[in-house]
N, C-alpha and C. Protein backbone atom coordinates (compact mmCIF):
# COMPACT_ATOMS: atom_id res chain seq x y z
N MET A 1 18.59 -76.10 -123.02
CA MET A 1 17.40 -75.80 -122.72
C MET A 1 17.59 -74.14 -122.15
N ILE A 2 16.97 -73.45 -122.56
CA ILE A 2 16.77 -71.93 -121.82
C ILE A 2 15.36 -71.60 -121.54
N MET A 3 15.28 -71.64 -120.09
CA MET A 3 13.93 -71.25 -119.61
C MET A 3 13.59 -69.93 -119.56
N VAL A 4 12.43 -69.38 -119.90
CA VAL A 4 12.22 -67.91 -120.03
C VAL A 4 10.96 -67.77 -119.26
N TYR A 5 10.87 -66.56 -118.50
CA TYR A 5 9.93 -66.24 -117.53
C TYR A 5 9.75 -64.55 -117.49
N ALA A 6 8.67 -64.29 -117.04
CA ALA A 6 8.41 -62.86 -116.79
C ALA A 6 8.34 -62.54 -115.17
N LYS A 7 8.92 -61.69 -114.71
CA LYS A 7 8.83 -61.31 -113.35
C LYS A 7 7.76 -59.95 -113.37
N ILE A 8 6.63 -60.23 -112.91
CA ILE A 8 5.47 -59.16 -112.79
C ILE A 8 5.04 -58.98 -111.50
N ARG A 9 5.17 -57.84 -110.90
CA ARG A 9 4.81 -57.51 -109.36
C ARG A 9 5.18 -58.54 -108.39
N GLY A 10 6.25 -59.07 -108.35
CA GLY A 10 6.70 -60.30 -107.47
C GLY A 10 6.58 -61.59 -107.88
N ASP A 11 5.50 -61.92 -109.04
CA ASP A 11 5.17 -63.30 -109.28
C ASP A 11 6.09 -63.49 -110.63
N LYS A 12 6.44 -64.91 -110.81
CA LYS A 12 6.95 -65.17 -111.94
C LYS A 12 5.89 -66.05 -112.90
N TYR A 13 5.93 -65.59 -114.18
CA TYR A 13 4.86 -66.38 -115.16
C TYR A 13 5.89 -67.02 -116.18
N PHE A 14 5.92 -68.22 -116.21
CA PHE A 14 6.42 -69.12 -117.26
C PHE A 14 6.14 -68.66 -118.77
N ILE A 15 7.16 -68.49 -119.53
CA ILE A 15 6.93 -68.15 -121.03
C ILE A 15 7.12 -69.34 -121.85
N GLY A 16 8.11 -69.97 -121.57
CA GLY A 16 8.37 -71.20 -122.31
C GLY A 16 9.99 -71.69 -122.30
N THR A 17 10.44 -72.85 -123.08
CA THR A 17 11.78 -73.13 -122.97
C THR A 17 12.07 -73.03 -124.48
N PHE A 18 13.51 -72.64 -124.60
CA PHE A 18 13.81 -72.34 -125.91
C PHE A 18 15.21 -72.95 -125.83
N ASN A 19 15.48 -73.28 -127.30
CA ASN A 19 16.85 -73.82 -127.64
C ASN A 19 18.04 -73.25 -128.03
N ASP A 20 17.68 -71.99 -128.54
CA ASP A 20 18.69 -71.34 -129.42
C ASP A 20 18.64 -70.00 -128.86
N LEU A 21 19.88 -69.51 -128.25
CA LEU A 21 20.42 -68.29 -127.76
C LEU A 21 20.15 -67.29 -128.82
N GLU A 22 20.69 -67.54 -130.17
CA GLU A 22 20.87 -66.76 -131.23
C GLU A 22 19.66 -66.08 -131.56
N VAL A 23 18.44 -66.85 -131.38
CA VAL A 23 17.11 -66.23 -132.03
C VAL A 23 16.27 -66.33 -130.75
N LEU A 24 16.72 -66.13 -129.59
CA LEU A 24 15.92 -65.99 -128.24
C LEU A 24 14.94 -64.69 -128.34
N HIS A 25 15.63 -63.75 -128.68
CA HIS A 25 14.79 -62.28 -128.82
C HIS A 25 13.76 -62.48 -129.69
N LEU A 26 14.00 -63.00 -130.83
CA LEU A 26 12.72 -63.18 -131.93
C LEU A 26 11.76 -63.92 -131.35
N ASP A 27 12.15 -65.33 -130.88
CA ASP A 27 11.11 -66.21 -130.51
C ASP A 27 10.37 -65.57 -129.22
N VAL A 28 11.06 -64.93 -128.17
CA VAL A 28 10.27 -64.37 -127.13
C VAL A 28 9.31 -63.23 -127.57
N LEU A 29 9.88 -62.48 -128.29
CA LEU A 29 8.96 -61.29 -128.93
C LEU A 29 7.72 -61.71 -129.85
N GLY A 30 8.09 -62.88 -130.42
CA GLY A 30 6.95 -63.41 -131.14
C GLY A 30 5.93 -64.02 -130.16
N PHE A 31 6.29 -64.79 -129.26
CA PHE A 31 5.32 -65.21 -128.08
C PHE A 31 4.69 -64.12 -127.57
N LEU A 32 5.30 -63.07 -126.92
CA LEU A 32 4.60 -61.92 -126.42
C LEU A 32 3.78 -61.32 -127.23
N ASP A 33 3.98 -61.19 -128.58
CA ASP A 33 3.07 -60.36 -129.46
C ASP A 33 1.85 -61.49 -129.78
N SER A 34 1.93 -62.69 -129.92
CA SER A 34 0.92 -63.61 -130.31
C SER A 34 -0.01 -63.80 -128.99
N SER A 35 0.51 -63.51 -127.86
CA SER A 35 -0.38 -63.75 -126.74
C SER A 35 -0.77 -62.53 -126.13
N GLU A 36 -0.48 -61.41 -126.72
CA GLU A 36 -0.88 -59.95 -126.40
C GLU A 36 -0.40 -59.75 -125.07
N ARG A 37 1.06 -59.83 -124.82
CA ARG A 37 1.80 -59.61 -123.41
C ARG A 37 2.94 -58.83 -123.98
N LEU A 38 2.97 -57.73 -124.84
CA LEU A 38 4.06 -57.08 -125.14
C LEU A 38 4.46 -56.21 -124.07
N SER A 39 3.36 -55.82 -123.13
CA SER A 39 3.65 -55.05 -121.93
C SER A 39 4.66 -55.51 -121.08
N TRP A 40 5.04 -56.79 -121.25
CA TRP A 40 5.75 -57.46 -120.30
C TRP A 40 7.24 -57.56 -120.88
N LYS A 41 7.61 -56.85 -121.87
CA LYS A 41 8.88 -57.09 -122.58
C LYS A 41 10.08 -56.52 -121.59
N ASP A 42 9.65 -55.63 -120.72
CA ASP A 42 10.71 -55.00 -119.95
C ASP A 42 11.06 -56.02 -118.79
N SER A 43 10.37 -57.04 -118.44
CA SER A 43 10.25 -57.81 -117.08
C SER A 43 10.60 -59.22 -117.55
N ILE A 44 11.37 -59.60 -118.78
CA ILE A 44 11.74 -60.87 -119.20
C ILE A 44 13.01 -61.35 -118.81
N TYR A 45 13.02 -62.29 -118.25
CA TYR A 45 14.43 -63.22 -117.81
C TYR A 45 14.62 -64.56 -118.21
N PHE A 46 15.58 -65.10 -118.23
CA PHE A 46 16.05 -66.61 -118.47
C PHE A 46 16.98 -67.04 -117.70
N LEU A 47 16.91 -68.43 -117.61
CA LEU A 47 17.68 -69.19 -116.82
C LEU A 47 18.60 -70.08 -118.01
N MET A 48 19.82 -70.02 -117.86
CA MET A 48 20.82 -70.87 -118.49
C MET A 48 21.94 -71.20 -117.68
N ASN A 49 22.33 -72.53 -117.88
CA ASN A 49 23.16 -73.09 -116.77
C ASN A 49 23.12 -72.58 -115.51
N GLY A 50 21.82 -72.61 -115.11
CA GLY A 50 21.77 -72.53 -113.51
C GLY A 50 21.77 -70.83 -113.22
N GLU A 51 21.98 -70.13 -114.19
CA GLU A 51 22.28 -68.56 -113.80
C GLU A 51 20.98 -67.84 -114.52
N GLU A 52 20.47 -66.70 -113.61
CA GLU A 52 19.54 -65.88 -114.27
C GLU A 52 19.99 -64.46 -114.92
N TYR A 53 19.38 -64.38 -115.95
CA TYR A 53 19.93 -63.24 -116.82
C TYR A 53 18.51 -62.43 -117.17
N LYS A 54 18.71 -60.95 -117.32
CA LYS A 54 17.64 -60.26 -117.84
C LYS A 54 17.71 -60.15 -119.52
N LEU A 55 16.81 -60.35 -119.93
CA LEU A 55 16.57 -60.33 -121.47
C LEU A 55 16.30 -59.05 -121.87
N ILE A 56 17.15 -58.57 -122.65
CA ILE A 56 16.85 -56.91 -123.08
C ILE A 56 16.20 -57.00 -124.51
N LEU A 57 14.91 -56.73 -124.61
CA LEU A 57 14.22 -56.84 -125.70
C LEU A 57 14.11 -55.44 -126.44
N GLY A 58 13.93 -54.41 -125.61
CA GLY A 58 13.90 -53.01 -126.47
C GLY A 58 12.81 -52.98 -127.38
N ASP A 59 13.07 -51.93 -128.28
CA ASP A 59 12.03 -51.75 -129.43
C ASP A 59 12.47 -52.39 -130.76
N ARG A 60 13.09 -53.31 -130.63
CA ARG A 60 13.69 -54.01 -131.82
C ARG A 60 12.65 -54.51 -132.81
N ASN A 61 12.81 -54.27 -134.06
CA ASN A 61 11.78 -54.60 -135.03
C ASN A 61 12.05 -56.32 -135.41
N TYR A 62 11.06 -56.97 -134.96
CA TYR A 62 11.59 -58.65 -135.45
C TYR A 62 10.84 -59.27 -136.59
N ASP A 63 10.19 -58.22 -137.62
CA ASP A 63 9.82 -58.66 -138.57
C ASP A 63 10.71 -58.84 -139.83
C-alpha cells in the first residue's frame, strides 16, 4: 500500500491509498483532476515502507 497526501500550508490532506508505484502518477493526477485540485500537484507526497517521498508530477500529459 502506498499512502498519498498533499502538504498545503502546514496541513496534510489525505488523497488515498494506491497499490501500484508504476501508475501512481497517473492515478494521483486523475484524482486531482476529478476533484478539481490540480493546484496541489506540486505539494504531493507519499509514504512507502515507512519513508516519505515527494511525488514529482510536473506537466506530464496523462491522457
